[in-house]
Amino acid sequence: MLDFCIIGSGVAGSTIAHLLSKKYSVHILDKARGPGGRASNKRFKKDLNFDHGVQYISPKDKKFLKFSKKLIQAKILKEWTGSHIDFNFEKKKNSLKLIGHKANNDLVKYQLKGIKKTFLSKVTKINFKGKFWEVLFENKLKIQSKGLIITCPFPQLKAIAKKYLNSKILRLGVKMEPNITVMIAFKNNKTLPISSIKFNDKILSWAANENSKKRFISNTNLWTLQASLAWSKKNINKYKNNKKIEDELVMRFLKLTGIKKNKLIYKRIHGWKYSYNYRKTKFLSFWDKKNRLGLCGDWFNGPKVENAWLSAYNLKKQIR
């Protein structure tokens, strides 16, 4: 029988799968079309793509920095150079920005190499049978495993596993915040000598110049726009059915940068309802030894890629 079924193929899921696969049999499943979670990447055409979730990695923890340097040497990650403009004028000790060579889900793909993966599989029910777990999916797939690890956001975790969760977990009071992203492309537009812009604006928070990541050469300019928290909260439950929401964010970007609207050839909106949790909990991860149920994810300890990796790393130490 399978040792571990792992739900979620984001940074936390791929990290715990990679660590456990050295000793145990693992199978990772995700409702998405491919790996990455919030580090996912969307293709525009051919080699042109958008990092519409995680924008970059900025290592601070010593263990994660060491891991990141290893991935730089392996040409999985590279530094995102250029001009990063911050209109908030924030002073940060660590300005290092790392991105994937091909996309920001490169880190995830690297960790999942050689591991059994199944996508387009949404969990409908989990049952603990005393000695093993049975996991049921919408596509009629059924997985049985000795251990179960869930890495999805806290609200989704409660929806599928509430009756198996320790009261300490249920009382954490985790508050997941939303984020709305719009991907846009301009044809034959003069490339701005800017890698990213952090705005001091009530609607638009961030814009990333995908061309500056030097993954492709094109006269089509790609930008990823991320909305402010307040604006995302206001619109997260209605953006799918209201085209004006997408247009409002795009028009804000055009106004702030001076780019002409008639050059716009593509736009696509995406919402992350449970994007991140700002507040750290008293746990890094959680392991229920009796039921062999593990939980990890960035919602335990912060909103960054580093937080997801550290949570999974901590969980591995608890599993025996």
Protein backbone atom coordinates (compact mmCIF):
# COMPACT_ATOMS: atom_id res chain seq x y z
CA MET A 1 0.00 0.00 0.00
CA LEU A 2 1.05 3.57 -0.69
CA ASP A 3 2.82 5.27 2.23
CA PHE A 4 1.62 8.86 1.68
CA CYS A 5 -1.08 10.53 -0.35
CA ILE A 6 -0.31 14.26 -0.63
CA ILE A 7 -3.03 16.73 -1.57
CA GLY A 8 -1.75 19.89 -3.26
CA SER A 9 1.21 20.40 -5.61
CA GLY A 10 2.31 23.89 -4.59
CA VAL A 11 5.58 24.73 -2.87
CA ALA A 12 4.59 23.02 0.40
CA GLY A 13 3.20 19.94 -1.32
CA SER A 14 6.16 19.51 -3.65
CA THR A 15 8.64 20.05 -0.80
CA ILE A 16 7.13 17.46 1.53
CA ALA A 17 6.74 15.03 -1.39
CA HIS A 18 10.41 15.49 -2.31
CA LEU A 19 11.60 14.99 1.27
CA LEU A 20 9.42 11.95 1.96
CA SER A 21 10.13 10.26 -1.39
CA LYS A 22 13.67 9.55 -0.23
CA LYS A 23 12.28 6.95 2.18
CA TYR A 24 8.58 6.41 1.42
CA SER A 25 6.27 5.86 -1.54
CA VAL A 26 4.27 9.01 -2.29
CA HIS A 27 1.55 10.09 -4.71
CA ILE A 28 0.74 13.79 -5.10
CA LEU A 29 -2.65 14.94 -6.37
CA ASP A 30 -4.01 18.36 -7.32
CA LYS A 31 -7.27 19.79 -8.69
CA ALA A 32 -5.33 22.06 -11.08
CA ARG A 33 -4.12 21.22 -14.59
CA GLY A 34 -0.49 21.23 -13.53
CA PRO A 35 1.90 21.75 -10.61
CA GLY A 36 2.68 24.99 -8.82
CA GLY A 37 -0.28 26.09 -6.73
CA ARG A 38 0.15 29.83 -6.18
CA ALA A 39 3.49 29.54 -8.00
CA SER A 40 1.67 28.59 -11.20
CA ASN A 41 2.47 29.99 -14.63
CA LYS A 42 0.15 30.74 -17.55
CA ARG A 43 1.25 30.50 -21.17
CA PHE A 44 0.22 33.25 -23.59
CA LYS A 45 1.61 31.63 -26.75
CA LYS A 46 4.73 29.64 -27.64
CA ASP A 47 7.40 30.64 -25.09
CA LEU A 48 5.59 33.76 -23.86
CA ASN A 49 4.22 33.31 -20.35
CA PHE A 50 3.08 35.03 -17.18
CA ASP A 51 3.98 34.36 -13.53
CA HIS A 52 0.48 35.22 -12.35
CA GLY A 53 0.94 34.10 -8.75
CA VAL A 54 4.26 34.18 -6.92
CA GLN A 55 6.35 36.99 -8.40
CA TYR A 56 9.76 36.11 -6.97
CA ILE A 57 11.57 34.36 -4.14
CA SER A 58 13.54 36.36 -1.57
CA PRO A 59 15.35 33.95 0.79
CA LYS A 60 16.01 35.06 4.35
CA ASP A 61 16.11 31.86 6.41
CA LYS A 62 19.56 30.23 6.36
CA LYS A 63 18.27 26.76 5.45
CA PHE A 64 16.12 28.09 2.63
CA LEU A 65 18.91 30.34 1.37
CA LYS A 66 21.23 27.31 1.21
CA PHE A 67 18.56 25.39 -0.71
CA SER A 68 18.03 28.35 -3.07
CA LYS A 69 21.76 28.58 -3.81
CA LYS A 70 21.73 24.90 -4.71
CA LEU A 71 18.94 25.58 -7.20
CA ILE A 72 20.85 28.53 -8.66
CA GLN A 73 23.84 26.26 -9.28
CA ALA A 74 21.52 23.70 -10.90
CA LYS A 75 20.09 26.48 -13.11
CA ILE A 76 16.60 26.04 -11.74
CA LEU A 77 16.54 29.54 -10.24
CA LYS A 78 18.27 32.76 -11.30
CA GLU A 79 18.40 36.35 -10.09
CA TRP A 80 15.81 38.78 -11.43
CA THR A 81 17.88 41.84 -12.15
CA GLY A 82 17.01 45.24 -13.56
CA SER A 83 15.20 48.24 -12.16
CA HIS A 84 12.65 47.43 -9.46
CA ILE A 85 10.84 50.65 -8.64
CA ASP A 86 9.10 51.07 -5.28
CA PHE A 87 6.85 54.10 -4.94
CA ASN A 88 6.23 53.15 -1.30
CA PHE A 89 9.94 53.82 -0.68
CA GLU A 90 10.21 50.81 1.60
CA LYS A 91 13.63 49.97 2.98
CA LYS A 92 14.36 46.26 2.87
CA LYS A 93 17.46 44.52 4.16
CA ASN A 94 17.33 41.80 1.52
CA SER A 95 16.62 42.92 -2.02
CA LEU A 96 17.59 39.62 -3.69
CA LYS A 97 14.87 38.49 -6.10
CA LEU A 98 15.03 34.95 -7.49
CA ILE A 99 12.85 33.55 -10.27
CA GLY A 100 12.65 30.30 -12.20
CA HIS A 101 14.69 29.97 -15.41
CA LYS A 102 11.57 29.11 -17.42
CA ALA A 103 8.76 29.95 -14.97
CA ASN A 104 8.25 30.43 -11.25
CA ASN A 105 6.91 26.90 -10.89
CA ASP A 106 10.37 25.57 -11.83
CA LEU A 107 11.13 25.02 -8.14
CA VAL A 108 8.00 22.88 -7.80
CA LYS A 109 8.71 20.89 -10.96
CA TYR A 110 12.28 20.27 -9.80
CA GLN A 111 11.09 18.83 -6.48
CA LEU A 112 8.42 16.65 -8.12
CA LYS A 113 10.77 15.04 -10.63
CA GLY A 114 10.33 11.27 -10.51
CA ILE A 115 7.33 11.46 -8.14
CA LYS A 116 3.94 10.06 -9.12
CA LYS A 117 1.54 12.93 -9.89
CA THR A 118 -2.14 13.15 -10.82
CA PHE A 119 -3.81 16.42 -11.79
CA LEU A 120 -7.40 17.52 -12.43
CA SER A 121 -8.32 15.61 -9.28
CA LYS A 122 -10.46 17.46 -6.73
CA VAL A 123 -10.96 15.85 -3.32
CA THR A 124 -14.58 15.21 -2.35
CA LYS A 125 -14.15 13.13 0.81
CA ILE A 126 -11.53 11.60 3.09
CA ASN A 127 -12.08 8.69 5.45
CA PHE A 128 -9.74 7.25 8.07
CA LYS A 129 -10.25 3.47 8.21
CA GLY A 130 -8.24 2.85 11.38
CA LYS A 131 -5.05 1.67 9.69
CA PHE A 132 -5.19 3.60 6.43
CA TRP A 133 -6.74 6.60 4.69
CA GLU A 134 -9.19 6.45 1.81
CA VAL A 135 -9.34 9.59 -0.35
CA LEU A 136 -12.15 10.04 -2.89
CA PHE A 137 -12.01 12.45 -5.84
CA GLU A 138 -14.55 14.04 -8.20
CA ASN A 139 -13.19 12.06 -11.13
CA LYS A 140 -14.11 8.80 -9.29
CA LEU A 141 -10.48 8.15 -8.42
CA LYS A 142 -9.95 6.44 -5.06
CA ILE A 143 -6.58 6.42 -3.28
CA GLN A 144 -5.65 4.39 -0.20
CA SER A 145 -2.55 5.23 1.82
CA LYS A 146 -1.04 4.69 5.25
CA GLY A 147 -0.58 8.44 5.72
CA LEU A 148 -2.29 11.55 4.41
CA ILE A 149 -0.80 15.03 4.02
CA ILE A 150 -2.93 18.06 3.13
CA THR A 151 -1.28 21.26 1.91
CA CYS A 152 -4.25 23.26 0.61
CA PRO A 153 -5.31 26.64 2.13
CA PHE A 154 -6.91 26.62 5.59
CA PRO A 155 -10.58 27.10 4.51
CA GLN A 156 -10.31 24.22 2.03
CA LEU A 157 -8.59 22.10 4.67
CA LYS A 158 -11.50 22.60 7.06
CA ALA A 159 -14.02 21.80 4.33
CA ILE A 160 -12.60 18.32 3.69
CA ALA A 161 -10.99 17.35 7.01
CA LYS A 162 -12.75 19.19 9.84
CA LYS A 163 -13.77 16.09 11.79
CA TYR A 164 -10.15 14.89 11.84
CA LEU A 165 -8.56 18.16 12.89
CA ASN A 166 -7.16 18.80 16.36
CA SER A 167 -9.00 21.54 18.29
CA LYS A 168 -5.71 23.46 18.44
CA ILE A 169 -5.75 23.71 14.66
CA LEU A 170 -9.42 24.66 14.42
CA ARG A 171 -8.91 27.50 16.91
CA LEU A 172 -5.97 29.09 15.12
CA GLY A 173 -8.18 31.78 13.61
CA VAL A 174 -6.31 31.81 10.30
CA LYS A 175 -7.51 34.57 7.97
CA MET A 176 -6.71 33.94 4.32
CA GLU A 177 -6.54 37.06 2.16
CA PRO A 178 -7.49 37.23 -1.55
CA ASN A 179 -5.56 38.55 -4.53
CA ILE A 180 -6.68 39.45 -8.04
CA THR A 181 -4.23 39.31 -10.93
CA VAL A 182 -4.61 40.52 -14.51
CA MET A 183 -2.26 39.44 -17.30
CA ILE A 184 -1.91 41.83 -20.26
CA ALA A 185 0.08 42.00 -23.49
CA PHE A 186 0.97 44.89 -25.80
CA LYS A 187 1.95 44.49 -29.46
CA ASN A 188 4.96 46.36 -30.87
CA ASN A 189 5.09 48.58 -27.81
CA LYS A 190 8.39 50.13 -26.82
CA THR A 191 9.82 48.11 -23.97
CA LEU A 192 10.10 50.01 -20.71
CA PRO A 193 13.52 49.63 -18.99
CA ILE A 194 11.77 48.48 -15.82
CA SER A 195 11.56 45.03 -14.21
CA SER A 196 8.78 45.75 -11.72
CA ILE A 197 6.84 48.59 -10.17
CA LYS A 198 5.37 48.68 -6.69
CA PHE A 199 2.66 51.33 -6.65
CA ASN A 200 1.35 53.48 -3.84
CA ASP A 201 -2.21 53.16 -5.10
CA LYS A 202 -5.59 52.06 -3.71
CA ILE A 203 -6.32 49.76 -6.68
CA LEU A 204 -3.05 48.61 -8.26
CA SER A 205 -0.36 47.24 -5.97
CA TRP A 206 2.25 45.70 -8.26
CA ALA A 207 3.21 45.28 -11.90
CA ALA A 208 5.85 42.89 -13.24
CA ASN A 209 7.44 43.20 -16.67
CA GLU A 210 7.64 39.57 -17.84
CA ASN A 211 10.04 40.48 -20.68
CA SER A 212 12.59 41.64 -18.09
CA LYS A 213 12.93 38.06 -16.81
CA LYS A 214 14.84 37.23 -20.03
CA ARG A 215 13.00 33.98 -20.74
CA PHE A 216 11.97 35.03 -24.22
CA ILE A 217 12.71 37.66 -26.86
CA SER A 218 9.65 39.28 -28.38
CA ASN A 219 8.25 42.60 -29.55
CA THR A 220 5.12 41.66 -27.60
CA ASN A 221 5.36 43.07 -24.08
CA LEU A 222 3.82 41.09 -21.24
CA TRP A 223 2.88 42.52 -17.84
CA THR A 224 1.38 40.89 -14.77
CA LEU A 225 -0.72 43.21 -12.60
CA GLN A 226 -1.63 42.50 -8.98
CA ALA A 227 -4.40 44.39 -7.24
CA SER A 228 -4.27 45.91 -3.77
CA LEU A 229 -5.60 43.91 -0.84
CA ALA A 230 -8.57 46.25 -0.25
CA TRP A 231 -9.58 46.18 -3.93
CA SER A 232 -9.15 42.38 -4.09
CA LYS A 233 -11.38 41.93 -1.03
CA LYS A 234 -14.03 44.11 -2.62
CA ASN A 235 -14.08 42.22 -5.93
CA ILE A 236 -12.92 38.63 -5.35
CA ASN A 237 -16.43 37.15 -5.31
CA LYS A 238 -17.68 38.94 -8.41
CA TYR A 239 -14.76 39.35 -10.83
CA LYS A 240 -15.71 36.28 -12.91
CA ASN A 241 -19.07 37.73 -13.94
CA ASN A 242 -18.15 41.40 -14.16
CA LYS A 243 -15.83 42.42 -16.99
CA LYS A 244 -15.65 45.98 -15.63
CA ILE A 245 -13.49 44.73 -12.76
CA GLU A 246 -10.79 43.49 -15.15
CA ASP A 247 -11.00 46.69 -17.17
CA GLU A 248 -10.69 48.88 -14.08
CA LEU A 249 -7.37 47.35 -13.08
CA VAL A 250 -6.02 47.53 -16.64
CA MET A 251 -7.05 51.17 -17.08
CA ARG A 252 -5.38 52.01 -13.77
CA PHE A 253 -2.11 50.55 -15.04
CA LEU A 254 -2.37 52.44 -18.35
CA LYS A 255 -3.03 55.70 -16.53
CA LEU A 256 -0.12 55.25 -14.13
CA THR A 257 2.39 54.22 -16.82
CA GLY A 258 1.23 56.22 -19.83
CA ILE A 259 1.05 53.17 -22.12
CA LYS A 260 -1.47 53.58 -24.95
CA LYS A 261 -4.64 51.49 -24.84
CA ASN A 262 -4.62 50.84 -28.61
CA LYS A 263 -1.49 48.71 -28.19
CA LEU A 264 -3.31 46.28 -25.89
CA ILE A 265 -3.89 42.88 -27.58
CA TYR A 266 -4.56 40.53 -24.66
CA LYS A 267 -5.91 40.56 -21.12
CA ARG A 268 -6.94 37.83 -18.72
CA ILE A 269 -8.00 37.98 -15.09
CA HIS A 270 -7.36 35.44 -12.34
CA GLY A 271 -8.43 35.46 -8.71
CA TRP A 272 -6.76 33.77 -5.76
CA LYS A 273 -9.50 33.60 -3.12
CA TYR A 274 -7.19 32.12 -0.48
CA SER A 275 -3.88 33.64 -1.48
CA TYR A 276 -2.02 34.12 1.80
CA ASN A 277 -2.19 34.57 5.57
CA TYR A 278 -0.27 37.50 7.05
CA ARG A 279 -0.46 36.34 10.66
CA LYS A 280 1.91 33.69 11.92
CA THR A 281 0.38 30.88 13.97
CA LYS A 282 2.07 29.11 16.88
CA PHE A 283 2.81 26.13 14.61
CA LEU A 284 5.07 25.65 11.60
CA SER A 285 3.19 22.51 10.61
CA PHE A 286 1.12 19.80 12.29
CA TRP A 287 1.52 16.02 12.53
CA ASP A 288 -1.15 13.77 14.07
CA LYS A 289 0.92 10.69 14.85
CA LYS A 290 -2.05 8.55 15.85
CA ASN A 291 -3.99 9.08 12.64
CA ARG A 292 -0.93 9.72 10.46
CA LEU A 293 -2.36 13.00 9.22
CA GLY A 294 0.02 15.82 8.30
CA LEU A 295 -0.66 19.48 7.54
CA CYS A 296 1.73 22.03 6.06
CA GLY A 297 1.52 25.24 4.07
CA ASP A 298 2.51 28.89 4.12
CA TRP A 299 -0.68 29.77 6.02
CA PHE A 300 0.99 28.41 9.16
CA ASN A 301 3.77 30.98 9.25
CA GLY A 302 3.56 33.70 6.58
CA PRO A 303 2.77 34.62 2.97
CA LYS A 304 6.09 33.87 1.24
CA VAL A 305 7.44 30.90 -0.74
CA GLU A 306 9.99 30.50 2.01
CA ASN A 307 7.20 30.01 4.57
CA ALA A 308 5.67 27.13 2.59
CA TRP A 309 9.07 25.44 2.21
CA LEU A 310 9.89 25.81 5.93
CA SER A 311 6.48 24.45 6.92
CA ALA A 312 7.04 21.31 4.83
CA TYR A 313 10.59 20.97 6.12
CA ASN A 314 9.28 21.14 9.69
CA LEU A 315 6.62 18.52 9.01
CA LYS A 316 9.20 16.08 7.63
CA LYS A 317 11.14 16.31 10.91
CA GLN A 318 8.03 15.29 12.84
CA ILE A 319 7.22 12.23 10.72
CA ARG A 320 8.76 8.96 11.81
